[in-house]
Amino acid sequence: MSTLQTIQKQVQQSIILTNKIDILMKEQVLNAMRAAGKPVSAGEVAKSLNADRKEVDKAFADLKKEGAIVSPVRCKWTVA
């Protein structure tokens, strides 16, 4: 296997791992939102998960695009 092929394989594995991590974070965010039982902010979710705010913001953005969460009041979100 050439060096280029090795690097390409490592990049592919890295992308797969990143996608799995993103999926897990979205699941954790949704679970935290359900557990809260009320509309919550990204900051509240990050605090409840003891997670990095940037990771939670990324999960929120993805979930918004997917239509999995909705905002019933300004800056607060709930599971759709």
Protein backbone atom coordinates (compact mmCIF):
# COMPACT_ATOMS: atom_id res chain seq x y z
CA MET A 1 0.00 0.00 0.00
CA SER A 2 1.42 3.36 -0.98
CA THR A 3 1.72 6.30 1.36
CA LEU A 4 -1.04 8.10 -0.53
CA GLN A 5 -3.39 5.14 -0.16
CA THR A 6 -2.60 4.93 3.54
CA ILE A 7 -3.38 8.62 4.00
CA GLN A 8 -6.62 8.31 2.01
CA LYS A 9 -7.70 5.38 4.17
CA GLN A 10 -6.93 7.33 7.37
CA VAL A 11 -8.92 10.31 6.10
CA GLN A 12 -11.91 8.08 5.29
CA GLN A 13 -11.75 6.51 8.75
CA SER A 14 -11.55 9.97 10.32
CA ILE A 15 -14.62 11.13 8.41
CA ILE A 16 -16.57 8.05 9.47
CA LEU A 17 -15.58 8.58 13.11
CA THR A 18 -16.54 12.26 12.97
CA ASN A 19 -19.96 11.37 11.54
CA LYS A 20 -20.53 8.84 14.34
CA ILE A 21 -19.57 11.41 16.97
CA ASP A 22 -21.98 13.94 15.41
CA ILE A 23 -24.81 11.40 15.49
CA LEU A 24 -24.12 10.54 19.13
CA MET A 25 -24.08 14.23 20.11
CA LYS A 26 -27.40 14.83 18.36
CA GLU A 27 -28.92 11.86 20.22
CA GLN A 28 -27.60 13.17 23.54
CA VAL A 29 -28.97 16.66 22.81
CA LEU A 30 -32.41 15.27 21.95
CA ASN A 31 -32.42 13.11 25.09
CA ALA A 32 -31.46 16.12 27.25
CA MET A 33 -34.20 18.20 25.65
CA ARG A 34 -36.79 15.49 26.29
CA ALA A 35 -35.61 15.12 29.89
CA ALA A 36 -35.93 18.87 30.49
CA GLY A 37 -39.61 18.68 29.65
CA LYS A 38 -39.70 22.32 28.56
CA PRO A 39 -38.11 24.48 25.86
CA VAL A 40 -34.39 24.94 26.53
CA SER A 41 -31.47 26.92 25.13
CA ALA A 42 -28.32 25.45 23.69
CA GLY A 43 -26.44 26.75 26.73
CA GLU A 44 -28.76 24.90 29.09
CA VAL A 45 -28.32 21.68 27.12
CA ALA A 46 -24.53 22.10 27.07
CA LYS A 47 -24.53 22.61 30.82
CA SER A 48 -26.77 19.61 31.50
CA LEU A 49 -24.57 17.40 29.32
CA ASN A 50 -21.33 18.92 30.60
CA ALA A 51 -20.44 19.26 26.92
CA ASP A 52 -18.60 21.84 24.85
CA ARG A 53 -21.00 24.60 23.76
CA LYS A 54 -19.63 24.58 20.20
CA GLU A 55 -20.46 20.88 19.84
CA VAL A 56 -23.97 21.46 21.14
CA ASP A 57 -24.43 24.45 18.81
CA LYS A 58 -23.38 22.26 15.88
CA ALA A 59 -25.86 19.58 16.93
CA PHE A 60 -28.59 22.23 17.27
CA ALA A 61 -27.85 23.54 13.77
CA ASP A 62 -28.04 20.04 12.31
CA LEU A 63 -31.22 19.22 14.21
CA LYS A 64 -32.84 22.48 13.03
CA LYS A 65 -32.02 21.63 9.41
CA GLU A 66 -33.47 18.15 9.87
CA GLY A 67 -36.64 19.57 11.44
CA ALA A 68 -36.06 17.55 14.61
CA ILE A 69 -36.33 20.58 16.90
CA VAL A 70 -38.54 23.67 16.85
CA SER A 71 -38.50 27.02 18.63
CA PRO A 72 -41.78 27.81 20.39
CA VAL A 73 -40.26 30.95 21.98
CA ARG A 74 -37.23 33.06 21.14
CA CYS A 75 -33.90 31.32 21.84
CA LYS A 76 -35.57 28.23 23.31
CA TRP A 77 -35.98 24.92 21.54
CA THR A 78 -37.92 21.71 22.00
CA VAL A 79 -38.15 18.36 20.23
CA ALA A 80 -40.51 18.52 17.25
